[in-house]
Amino acid sequence: MRAARSGFALVGVAVLGASGAFAVPTPAAAAGAPGPRVVRVNVDARAQGTPFPHFWEKMFGSGHAILALRADYRRDLSMVKQVTGFTYVRAHGILDRDVGVFHLTRQGRPVYNFSYVDQIYDGLLARGVKPFVELSFMPPALDSHPQAAKPFFYHLIASPPKSYRLWDGLIRAFARHLVRRYGIDQVASWYFEVWNEPNIAFWNGTPAQKTYFKLYDHTARDLKSVSSRLRVGGPATASAAWVPAFLRHVYRHHVPVDFVSTHAYGDPCGAVRKVHAQIAASHDPHLPLILSEFNATVYTVPDMTDSAYMGPYLARTIRQCDGYVAMMSYWTFSDVFEEQGVIQSPFYGGYGLVAEGGIPKPAFNAFAMLHKLGDTRLPAGGGPVLATRGPHGGVILALWNYAPPVSTKTTYVYGAPSGRIKRFVVTVAHLPAARHATVWRLDRRHGDVIPAFDAMGRPRYPTRRQILALRRAGRLAAPQRIPVRQGRFSLDVPPQGLVVVRLH
């Protein structure tokens, strides 16, 4: 594979006919291969446009809550904050055994301990990130089914509480503590989500839906008893399940709800549009929808989550979900993560944007590039393009060449992606005297750390020197500057390539 990569040649800048457009360097097609597929893009810089509030980068998921005390977790959090400016982080397990929030005395009296909670949330807030509080999982002293299976490496407890009186006391004490420590104005800007994926193995109440609704009712009312300003929602289901039933339930029983949350992996856009329509058809059609987990796959697939595939995947997902969701939370910002156990090697297909050792993956660079888009979306046809206007009137485009992953197996393959080069021929009308454009690229040759990892022989335990080299290799590639004439330019994008262009 290294030989195939080294065989790529660069095409020089050249004028394309009489159009005044310019082609920029791109990998040359192999001899006899089909030529580039032309995609024509037309944008009006003065078009009215629609709001484009960067819903895909407001929140990220993370490993379970106790990991937030680790230095590498905080380092990776700061890395992602710097390139996306994100606001919220969501983690499982703030009530788990290892956070130590709750136990009972021998006499059965509840004892609360929020020491680690404070350290976790203080660390987030110090780095400019707020908690999206997933209220999970059950503390051991409240486990109603102690013999039940305990999923994940850290053995989460999926049971309903053995006493709702004790659960109510815990939730109220937790909320009161947060308000005392951080102030109601701060905590009212957070979100409280009741549990995680109660429709699958993370909830063992029977019947699952009825017992989850009971948990939700108690928890929502407990939070609102502390302050009506606290925001609470659910059902936090896998695969966009239960939403109509949940909305009927809270309406009929007058249970507070401030947002709807659910999860979707793979292509989440169908699920987002379905749930958006379900909310619109409910008694409370203006509830915001939060996709509190999404990613290209629910499995650890190196040729997806560790690869340049994530650039076009993310751009296409953003384009299709725009207007249907208030926030989407990529699962996760970091491979400081323990659901499957302690990480055994870097680049195993982990969900994170940052690999072990603080090494940026291609997905990290994709988020950094897409962050450059403006906050007004402009019409640009139905192709693989996002056209936006920035705060000062400039035009910023995302262009991509989606190609399927080389492999969907959990073992590493990483061959050359299938598909043809796309040649984007772009015309921007009413562009204020732009003569140049800045171009950022992500593909197998730009912003992708895996070739450098291959060249090292894919060490299971990279040395400190190798980690430093991989961090350098994983950086976002330096931008190119290309000429623009009369609002026209052209560039080529290889399969699994993403390009962001700023005209100025």
Protein backbone atom coordinates (compact mmCIF):
# COMPACT_ATOMS: atom_id res chain seq x y z
CA MET A 1 0.00 0.00 0.00
CA ARG A 2 2.87 2.36 0.67
CA ALA A 3 4.10 1.83 -2.88
CA ALA A 4 0.68 2.70 -4.27
CA ARG A 5 0.59 5.89 -2.25
CA SER A 6 4.07 6.93 -3.26
CA GLY A 7 3.07 6.51 -6.91
CA PHE A 8 0.75 9.51 -6.79
CA ALA A 9 2.00 12.47 -8.83
CA LEU A 10 0.99 16.10 -8.63
CA VAL A 11 -0.69 17.94 -11.45
CA GLY A 12 0.43 21.53 -11.83
CA VAL A 13 -1.90 24.53 -11.83
CA ALA A 14 -3.42 24.91 -15.27
CA VAL A 15 -6.10 27.00 -16.98
CA LEU A 16 -9.26 25.05 -17.88
CA GLY A 17 -10.26 26.22 -21.35
CA ALA A 18 -11.66 29.68 -21.78
CA SER A 19 -13.63 29.71 -18.55
CA GLY A 20 -10.94 31.44 -16.56
CA ALA A 21 -11.10 28.68 -13.93
CA PHE A 22 -7.99 27.12 -12.47
CA ALA A 23 -7.21 23.53 -11.50
CA VAL A 24 -5.21 22.94 -8.31
CA PRO A 25 -2.80 20.10 -7.50
CA THR A 26 -4.40 16.71 -7.06
CA PRO A 27 -3.28 13.07 -7.33
CA ALA A 28 -3.03 12.09 -10.98
CA ALA A 29 -5.23 9.30 -12.28
CA ALA A 30 -3.52 6.03 -13.13
CA ALA A 31 -2.81 5.40 -16.80
CA GLY A 32 -5.98 4.27 -18.56
CA ALA A 33 -8.22 5.18 -15.64
CA PRO A 34 -11.37 7.25 -16.29
CA GLY A 35 -10.89 11.00 -16.13
CA PRO A 36 -12.34 13.19 -13.41
CA ARG A 37 -16.10 13.41 -12.98
CA VAL A 38 -17.07 17.08 -13.36
CA VAL A 39 -19.32 18.66 -10.74
CA ARG A 40 -20.49 22.21 -11.50
CA VAL A 41 -21.30 24.44 -8.55
CA ASN A 42 -22.99 27.83 -8.81
CA VAL A 43 -23.32 30.13 -5.80
CA ASP A 44 -24.61 33.67 -5.43
CA ALA A 45 -22.64 35.49 -2.74
CA ARG A 46 -25.54 37.92 -2.20
CA ALA A 47 -28.26 35.28 -1.84
CA GLN A 48 -30.41 35.62 1.27
CA GLY A 49 -29.47 32.23 2.65
CA THR A 50 -30.64 30.50 5.83
CA PRO A 51 -29.16 30.33 9.35
CA PHE A 52 -26.45 27.70 9.72
CA PRO A 53 -25.72 27.45 13.45
CA HIS A 54 -22.97 24.76 13.43
CA PHE A 55 -25.21 22.25 15.18
CA TRP A 56 -22.70 19.43 14.52
CA GLU A 57 -19.97 20.87 16.73
CA LYS A 58 -21.83 22.17 19.79
CA MET A 59 -21.42 18.92 21.73
CA PHE A 60 -19.21 15.83 21.85
CA GLY A 61 -19.49 12.54 23.67
CA SER A 62 -16.77 11.12 25.84
CA GLY A 63 -15.67 8.08 27.79
CA HIS A 64 -17.36 7.50 31.15
CA ALA A 65 -17.30 10.38 33.57
CA ILE A 66 -14.46 9.36 35.87
CA LEU A 67 -12.02 9.59 32.93
CA ALA A 68 -12.48 13.36 33.02
CA LEU A 69 -10.02 13.40 35.94
CA ARG A 70 -7.20 12.12 33.71
CA ALA A 71 -4.64 14.50 32.27
CA ASP A 72 -4.83 12.95 28.79
CA TYR A 73 -8.63 13.36 28.73
CA ARG A 74 -8.25 17.03 29.60
CA ARG A 75 -5.49 17.49 27.01
CA ASP A 76 -7.67 16.01 24.27
CA LEU A 77 -10.66 18.06 25.43
CA SER A 78 -8.61 21.23 25.04
CA MET A 79 -7.41 20.15 21.60
CA VAL A 80 -10.96 19.69 20.34
CA LYS A 81 -12.18 22.85 22.06
CA GLN A 82 -9.48 24.85 20.28
CA VAL A 83 -10.52 23.75 16.78
CA THR A 84 -14.32 23.58 17.20
CA GLY A 85 -15.20 25.91 20.07
CA PHE A 86 -17.69 23.29 21.30
CA THR A 87 -19.88 23.99 24.33
CA TYR A 88 -21.07 20.67 25.83
CA VAL A 89 -19.64 17.26 26.63
CA ARG A 90 -21.72 14.18 27.41
CA ALA A 91 -20.44 11.19 29.37
CA HIS A 92 -21.95 8.05 30.83
CA GLY A 93 -21.75 7.20 34.49
CA ILE A 94 -21.80 10.32 36.65
CA LEU A 95 -23.66 8.19 39.25
CA ASP A 96 -21.44 5.10 38.86
CA ARG A 97 -19.54 3.35 41.62
CA ASP A 98 -16.19 4.92 40.69
CA VAL A 99 -17.55 8.47 41.12
CA GLY A 100 -18.72 7.54 44.60
CA VAL A 101 -21.80 9.75 44.85
CA PHE A 102 -24.02 7.51 46.96
CA HIS A 103 -23.98 4.82 49.64
CA LEU A 104 -26.10 3.70 52.55
CA THR A 105 -25.09 3.41 56.18
CA ARG A 106 -25.72 0.18 58.05
CA GLN A 107 -28.88 1.80 59.32
CA GLY A 108 -30.02 2.44 55.73
CA ARG A 109 -29.47 6.20 55.77
CA PRO A 110 -28.35 7.77 52.46
CA VAL A 111 -24.91 9.40 52.28
CA TYR A 112 -24.00 11.69 49.36
CA ASN A 113 -20.47 12.50 48.26
CA PHE A 114 -19.98 14.96 45.39
CA SER A 115 -16.21 15.36 45.68
CA TYR A 116 -15.40 13.68 42.35
CA VAL A 117 -18.42 15.29 40.70
CA ASP A 118 -16.95 18.67 41.61
CA GLN A 119 -13.53 17.75 40.26
CA ILE A 120 -15.04 16.45 37.01
CA TYR A 121 -17.23 19.48 36.37
CA ASP A 122 -14.64 22.00 37.60
CA GLY A 123 -12.21 20.53 35.05
CA LEU A 124 -14.70 20.87 32.21
CA LEU A 125 -15.72 24.41 33.08
CA ALA A 126 -12.10 25.50 33.46
CA ARG A 127 -11.62 24.49 29.83
CA GLY A 128 -14.69 26.34 28.59
CA VAL A 129 -16.95 23.28 28.29
CA LYS A 130 -20.27 22.65 30.08
CA PRO A 131 -21.72 19.31 31.12
CA PHE A 132 -24.54 17.69 29.22
CA VAL A 133 -25.45 15.59 32.23
CA GLU A 134 -26.46 12.06 31.37
CA LEU A 135 -28.01 10.81 34.62
CA SER A 136 -26.65 7.26 34.71
CA PHE A 137 -25.99 4.55 35.78
CA MET A 138 -27.44 3.11 38.99
CA PRO A 139 -25.28 3.41 42.13
CA PRO A 140 -24.55 -0.04 43.61
CA ALA A 141 -26.48 0.69 46.80
CA LEU A 142 -29.64 1.24 44.71
CA ASP A 143 -29.25 -1.78 42.42
CA SER A 144 -32.59 -3.64 42.29
CA HIS A 145 -31.14 -6.55 40.27
CA PRO A 146 -27.64 -7.19 41.65
CA GLN A 147 -27.33 -10.52 39.82
CA ALA A 148 -28.09 -9.01 36.41
CA ALA A 149 -25.44 -8.60 33.70
CA LYS A 150 -23.11 -5.63 34.08
CA PRO A 151 -22.17 -4.37 30.58
CA PHE A 152 -18.89 -2.77 29.51
CA PHE A 153 -15.42 -3.02 30.94
CA TYR A 154 -16.44 -0.88 33.91
CA HIS A 155 -19.53 -3.02 34.72
CA LEU A 156 -22.27 -0.44 34.63
CA ILE A 157 -25.44 -1.15 36.59
CA ALA A 158 -28.46 -1.11 34.28
CA SER A 159 -31.13 -1.66 36.94
CA PRO A 160 -34.03 0.48 38.09
CA PRO A 161 -33.61 1.83 41.62
CA LYS A 162 -34.63 -0.51 44.40
CA SER A 163 -36.24 2.46 46.14
CA TYR A 164 -37.69 5.49 44.36
CA ARG A 165 -37.69 7.33 47.65
CA LEU A 166 -33.90 6.98 47.78
CA TRP A 167 -33.54 7.77 44.05
CA ASP A 168 -35.60 10.94 44.44
CA GLY A 169 -33.45 11.99 47.36
CA LEU A 170 -30.26 11.43 45.37
CA ILE A 171 -31.40 13.39 42.30
CA ARG A 172 -32.63 16.31 44.39
CA ALA A 173 -29.43 16.37 46.46
CA PHE A 174 -27.33 16.20 43.27
CA ALA A 175 -29.23 19.09 41.65
CA ARG A 176 -29.18 21.22 44.82
CA HIS A 177 -25.45 20.70 45.15
CA LEU A 178 -24.80 21.77 41.56
CA VAL A 179 -26.92 24.91 41.97
CA ARG A 180 -25.16 25.84 45.22
CA ARG A 181 -21.70 25.28 43.75
CA TYR A 182 -22.10 26.80 40.29
CA GLY A 183 -25.15 29.06 40.58
CA ILE A 184 -28.54 28.66 38.98
CA ASP A 185 -27.67 30.78 35.94
CA GLN A 186 -24.80 28.42 35.10
CA VAL A 187 -26.62 25.13 35.80
CA ALA A 188 -29.74 26.33 33.95
CA SER A 189 -27.58 26.51 30.82
CA TRP A 190 -26.76 22.78 31.12
CA TYR A 191 -28.89 19.84 30.00
CA PHE A 192 -30.00 16.85 32.09
CA GLU A 193 -30.71 13.69 30.11
CA VAL A 194 -32.37 10.77 31.88
CA TRP A 195 -30.34 7.58 31.38
CA ASN A 196 -28.73 6.12 28.25
CA GLU A 197 -30.33 3.82 25.67
CA PRO A 198 -32.98 2.23 27.88
CA ASN A 199 -34.36 0.28 24.91
CA ILE A 200 -31.30 -2.02 24.82
CA ALA A 201 -28.96 -3.70 27.32
CA PHE A 202 -28.31 -0.56 29.37
CA TRP A 203 -31.68 -0.89 31.13
CA ASN A 204 -32.98 -4.13 32.62
CA GLY A 205 -36.32 -2.92 33.91
CA THR A 206 -39.28 -4.98 32.69
CA PRO A 207 -41.17 -4.07 30.70
CA ALA A 208 -38.41 -1.78 29.52
CA GLN A 209 -40.46 1.14 28.22
CA LYS A 210 -42.91 1.31 31.12
CA THR A 211 -40.19 1.12 33.77
CA TYR A 212 -38.06 3.70 31.98
CA PHE A 213 -40.99 6.10 31.81
CA LYS A 214 -41.35 5.72 35.59
CA LEU A 215 -37.67 6.57 36.03
CA TYR A 216 -38.06 9.56 33.72
CA ASP A 217 -41.14 10.84 35.57
CA HIS A 218 -39.46 10.74 38.95
CA THR A 219 -36.20 12.25 37.70
CA ALA A 220 -37.78 15.09 35.73
CA ARG A 221 -40.00 16.08 38.64
CA ASP A 222 -37.09 15.83 41.07
CA LEU A 223 -35.01 18.23 38.99
CA LYS A 224 -37.85 20.70 38.52
CA SER A 225 -38.52 20.65 42.27
CA VAL A 226 -35.05 22.14 42.73
CA SER A 227 -35.55 24.74 39.99
CA SER A 228 -38.00 25.06 37.13
CA ARG A 229 -35.11 26.43 35.08
CA LEU A 230 -33.24 23.10 34.94
CA ARG A 231 -33.58 21.53 31.49
CA VAL A 232 -34.50 17.85 31.36
CA GLY A 233 -35.20 15.45 28.51
CA GLY A 234 -35.07 11.96 27.07
CA PRO A 235 -35.65 9.18 26.12
CA ALA A 236 -31.98 8.90 25.03
CA THR A 237 -32.82 5.76 23.06
CA ALA A 238 -30.72 3.83 20.59
CA SER A 239 -31.81 3.91 16.94
CA ALA A 240 -34.38 6.70 17.30
CA ALA A 241 -36.78 4.45 19.23
CA TRP A 242 -39.74 5.22 21.53
CA VAL A 243 -40.08 8.92 20.71
CA PRO A 244 -43.83 9.04 19.87
CA ALA A 245 -44.68 6.91 22.92
CA PHE A 246 -42.44 9.05 25.11
CA LEU A 247 -44.09 12.27 23.93
CA ARG A 248 -47.59 10.86 24.44
CA HIS A 249 -46.63 9.73 27.93
CA VAL A 250 -45.20 13.04 29.15
CA TYR A 251 -48.19 14.91 27.69
CA ARG A 252 -50.82 12.67 29.25
CA HIS A 253 -49.15 12.60 32.66
CA HIS A 254 -48.05 16.24 32.70
CA VAL A 255 -44.36 15.34 33.08
CA PRO A 256 -41.80 18.07 32.37
CA VAL A 257 -39.75 17.78 29.17
CA ASP A 258 -37.51 20.44 27.62
CA PHE A 259 -35.91 18.49 24.77
CA VAL A 260 -36.03 15.15 22.98
CA SER A 261 -32.85 13.09 22.66
CA THR A 262 -32.01 9.91 20.79
CA HIS A 263 -29.09 8.22 19.00
CA ALA A 264 -28.30 7.08 15.46
CA TYR A 265 -25.20 5.56 13.87
CA GLY A 266 -24.19 4.96 10.27
CA ASP A 267 -26.32 7.34 8.21
CA PRO A 268 -28.17 9.27 10.95
CA CYS A 269 -30.06 11.59 8.63
CA GLY A 270 -33.07 9.36 8.11
CA ALA A 271 -33.45 8.93 11.85
CA VAL A 272 -33.10 12.67 12.45
CA ARG A 273 -35.77 13.53 9.90
CA LYS A 274 -38.09 10.84 11.23
CA VAL A 275 -37.84 12.04 14.83
CA HIS A 276 -38.13 15.66 13.73
CA ALA A 277 -41.44 14.77 12.07
CA GLN A 278 -42.58 12.83 15.15
CA ILE A 279 -41.96 15.86 17.35
CA ALA A 280 -43.74 18.13 14.88
CA ALA A 281 -46.78 15.84 15.02
CA SER A 282 -46.84 15.77 18.84
CA HIS A 283 -48.64 18.00 21.35
CA ASP A 284 -45.38 19.93 21.84
CA PRO A 285 -44.12 20.44 18.27
CA HIS A 286 -41.45 22.98 19.16
CA LEU A 287 -39.33 20.76 21.41
CA PRO A 288 -35.70 20.80 20.26
CA LEU A 289 -34.22 17.54 18.99
CA ILE A 290 -30.77 16.59 20.25
CA LEU A 291 -28.98 13.66 18.63
CA SER A 292 -26.87 12.91 21.70
CA GLU A 293 -24.81 10.21 19.95
CA PHE A 294 -23.83 9.68 16.32
CA ASN A 295 -20.91 8.30 14.37
CA ALA A 296 -20.24 6.48 11.12
CA THR A 297 -20.43 3.10 12.85
CA VAL A 298 -21.33 1.63 16.22
CA TYR A 299 -18.37 -0.75 15.89
CA THR A 300 -14.64 -0.12 16.06
CA VAL A 301 -13.80 -0.10 12.34
CA PRO A 302 -10.33 1.32 11.55
CA ASP A 303 -11.11 1.90 7.88
CA MET A 304 -13.94 4.18 8.92
CA THR A 305 -13.32 6.03 12.19
CA ASP A 306 -9.51 6.21 11.87
CA SER A 307 -9.49 7.09 8.18
CA ALA A 308 -9.96 9.99 5.77
CA TYR A 309 -13.39 8.50 5.01
CA MET A 310 -14.67 10.56 7.93
CA GLY A 311 -14.22 13.86 6.07
CA PRO A 312 -16.84 13.28 3.37
CA TYR A 313 -18.98 11.30 5.83
CA LEU A 314 -19.21 14.26 8.19
CA ALA A 315 -19.78 16.84 5.46
CA ARG A 316 -22.55 14.76 3.87
CA THR A 317 -24.17 14.14 7.27
CA ILE A 318 -24.16 17.85 8.11
CA ARG A 319 -25.67 18.74 4.75
CA GLN A 320 -28.49 16.22 5.10
CA CYS A 321 -29.32 16.95 8.76
CA ASP A 322 -29.29 20.74 8.51
CA GLY A 323 -32.59 22.21 9.68
CA TYR A 324 -33.81 19.07 11.44
CA VAL A 325 -31.78 18.97 14.66
CA ALA A 326 -30.69 21.46 17.33
CA MET A 327 -27.49 19.64 18.27
CA MET A 328 -25.62 16.53 17.17
CA SER A 329 -23.05 14.97 19.47
CA TYR A 330 -20.24 13.06 17.75
CA TRP A 331 -19.33 9.95 19.74
CA THR A 332 -16.56 10.70 20.93
CA PHE A 333 -14.00 13.50 21.12
CA SER A 334 -11.18 11.23 22.38
CA ASP A 335 -9.96 7.64 22.46
CA VAL A 336 -9.47 8.02 26.22
CA PHE A 337 -12.25 5.49 26.42
CA GLU A 338 -12.85 2.20 28.21
CA GLU A 339 -16.11 0.60 27.11
CA GLN A 340 -14.31 -2.31 25.42
CA GLY A 341 -11.46 -2.28 27.92
CA VAL A 342 -8.06 -0.62 28.17
CA ILE A 343 -6.75 0.50 24.77
CA GLN A 344 -4.32 -2.09 23.41
CA SER A 345 -2.91 -0.12 20.49
CA PRO A 346 -3.47 3.20 18.73
CA PHE A 347 -5.69 3.30 15.63
CA TYR A 348 -7.87 0.34 16.51
CA GLY A 349 -10.98 2.03 15.13
CA GLY A 350 -11.86 3.92 18.29
CA TYR A 351 -14.65 6.46 18.14
CA GLY A 352 -12.54 9.46 19.14
CA LEU A 353 -11.20 12.37 17.13
CA VAL A 354 -7.91 12.11 19.00
CA ALA A 355 -6.00 8.83 19.23
CA GLU A 356 -4.07 7.63 22.24
CA GLY A 357 -1.06 9.85 22.83
CA GLY A 358 -2.78 13.05 21.70
CA ILE A 359 -2.51 12.13 18.01
CA PRO A 360 -5.09 13.89 15.78
CA LYS A 361 -7.01 11.57 13.48
CA PRO A 362 -8.41 12.57 10.09
CA ALA A 363 -11.81 13.13 11.75
CA PHE A 364 -10.19 15.75 14.00
CA ASN A 365 -8.98 17.59 10.92
CA ALA A 366 -12.40 17.26 9.28
CA PHE A 367 -14.02 19.01 12.25
CA ALA A 368 -11.30 21.68 12.19
CA MET A 369 -11.97 22.34 8.51
CA LEU A 370 -15.76 22.33 8.76
CA HIS A 371 -15.53 24.77 11.66
CA LYS A 372 -14.37 27.33 9.10
CA LEU A 373 -17.79 27.37 7.41
CA GLY A 374 -19.88 30.49 7.84
CA ASP A 375 -23.10 30.87 9.80
CA THR A 376 -25.39 31.50 6.79
CA ARG A 377 -26.00 28.70 4.31
CA LEU A 378 -26.30 29.69 0.66
CA PRO A 379 -28.15 27.77 -2.07
CA ALA A 380 -25.75 25.63 -4.09
CA GLY A 381 -27.79 22.92 -5.77
CA GLY A 382 -28.05 19.28 -4.79
CA GLY A 383 -24.46 18.13 -5.16
CA PRO A 384 -21.73 17.36 -2.61
CA VAL A 385 -21.31 20.95 -1.51
CA LEU A 386 -22.03 23.21 1.43
CA ALA A 387 -21.91 26.90 0.54
CA THR A 388 -21.88 29.47 3.32
CA ARG A 389 -21.33 33.15 3.96
CA GLY A 390 -19.11 34.31 6.78
CA PRO A 391 -19.73 37.22 9.15
CA HIS A 392 -17.83 39.65 6.92
CA GLY A 393 -19.47 38.63 3.66
CA GLY A 394 -16.86 36.17 2.42
CA VAL A 395 -17.86 32.84 0.90
CA ILE A 396 -16.69 29.55 2.42
CA LEU A 397 -17.38 26.23 0.68
CA ALA A 398 -17.06 22.59 1.62
CA LEU A 399 -16.68 20.19 -1.32
CA TRP A 400 -16.24 16.45 -1.03
CA ASN A 401 -15.95 13.17 -2.88
CA TYR A 402 -17.75 10.53 -0.86
CA ALA A 403 -16.56 6.94 -1.38
CA PRO A 404 -17.46 3.95 0.79
CA PRO A 405 -14.99 2.63 3.35
CA VAL A 406 -12.42 0.18 2.05
CA SER A 407 -13.54 -2.32 4.66
CA THR A 408 -16.27 -2.47 7.29
CA LYS A 409 -14.45 -5.14 9.28
CA THR A 410 -12.92 -4.52 12.69
CA THR A 411 -9.52 -5.52 11.32
CA TYR A 412 -7.28 -3.05 9.53
CA VAL A 413 -7.25 -3.02 5.69
CA TYR A 414 -6.84 0.61 4.51
CA GLY A 415 -6.39 0.03 0.79
CA ALA A 416 -7.08 2.64 -1.86
CA PRO A 417 -10.74 3.76 -1.92
CA SER A 418 -12.84 3.08 -4.98
CA GLY A 419 -14.26 5.79 -7.19
CA ARG A 420 -13.15 8.55 -9.53
CA ILE A 421 -11.66 11.96 -8.89
CA LYS A 422 -14.28 14.71 -8.84
CA ARG A 423 -13.44 17.98 -10.60
CA PHE A 424 -15.42 20.81 -9.05
CA VAL A 425 -15.94 23.75 -11.40
CA VAL A 426 -17.16 26.56 -9.17
CA THR A 427 -18.71 29.89 -10.14
CA VAL A 428 -19.53 32.43 -7.42
CA ALA A 429 -21.65 35.34 -8.61
CA HIS A 430 -21.41 38.81 -7.03
CA LEU A 431 -18.13 37.95 -5.37
CA PRO A 432 -16.46 41.15 -4.17
CA ALA A 433 -13.24 41.30 -6.19
CA ALA A 434 -11.85 37.97 -4.91
CA ARG A 435 -8.58 37.11 -6.62
CA HIS A 436 -7.50 34.20 -4.48
CA ALA A 437 -8.93 31.35 -2.45
CA THR A 438 -7.44 29.45 0.46
CA VAL A 439 -7.88 25.69 0.21
CA TRP A 440 -7.66 23.17 3.04
CA ARG A 441 -7.55 19.48 2.15
CA LEU A 442 -8.21 16.19 3.90
CA ASP A 443 -7.61 12.95 2.03
CA ARG A 444 -5.16 10.04 2.00
CA ARG A 445 -2.30 12.45 1.27
CA HIS A 446 -3.30 15.42 3.39
CA GLY A 447 -4.02 15.44 7.13
CA ASP A 448 -4.02 11.65 7.43
CA VAL A 449 -1.67 10.14 10.03
CA ILE A 450 -2.11 6.51 8.97
CA PRO A 451 0.59 6.46 6.25
CA ALA A 452 3.14 7.58 8.86
CA PHE A 453 1.89 4.90 11.25
CA ASP A 454 2.22 2.33 8.46
CA ALA A 455 5.77 3.46 7.78
CA MET A 456 6.63 2.79 11.43
CA GLY A 457 5.34 -0.76 11.11
CA ARG A 458 2.18 -0.02 13.13
CA PRO A 459 3.83 -0.34 16.56
CA ARG A 460 1.49 -1.52 19.30
CA TYR A 461 3.27 0.66 21.85
CA PRO A 462 4.80 3.67 20.06
CA THR A 463 7.79 5.24 21.76
CA ARG A 464 7.62 8.81 22.95
CA ARG A 465 9.64 9.86 19.92
CA GLN A 466 7.25 8.02 17.61
CA ILE A 467 4.25 9.63 19.29
CA LEU A 468 5.72 13.08 18.67
CA ALA A 469 6.32 12.16 15.02
CA LEU A 470 2.74 10.90 14.68
CA ARG A 471 1.36 14.08 16.19
CA ARG A 472 3.24 16.06 13.53
CA ALA A 473 2.10 13.72 10.76
CA GLY A 474 -1.52 14.02 11.88
CA ARG A 475 -1.69 17.79 11.72
CA LEU A 476 -4.03 19.52 9.33
CA ALA A 477 -2.12 20.04 6.09
CA ALA A 478 -0.97 23.58 5.34
CA PRO A 479 -3.51 25.36 3.12
CA GLN A 480 -2.96 26.12 -0.55
CA ARG A 481 -3.59 29.46 -2.19
CA ILE A 482 -5.19 29.31 -5.63
CA PRO A 483 -6.12 32.02 -8.13
CA VAL A 484 -9.74 33.02 -8.78
CA ARG A 485 -10.79 34.87 -11.95
CA GLN A 486 -14.19 36.49 -12.30
CA GLY A 487 -15.50 34.39 -9.44
CA ARG A 488 -14.42 31.13 -11.08
CA PHE A 489 -12.03 28.39 -10.08
CA SER A 490 -11.71 24.63 -10.39
CA LEU A 491 -10.17 21.95 -8.19
CA ASP A 492 -9.97 18.17 -8.07
CA VAL A 493 -10.91 16.05 -5.07
CA PRO A 494 -9.91 12.37 -4.83
CA PRO A 495 -12.21 9.66 -3.47
CA GLN A 496 -12.72 10.07 0.30
CA GLY A 497 -11.47 13.66 -0.01
CA LEU A 498 -12.82 16.78 1.67
CA VAL A 499 -11.91 20.34 0.69
CA VAL A 500 -12.84 23.61 2.37
CA VAL A 501 -12.35 26.79 0.32
CA ARG A 502 -12.40 30.35 1.59
CA LEU A 503 -12.63 33.05 -1.07
CA HIS A 504 -11.10 36.40 -0.26
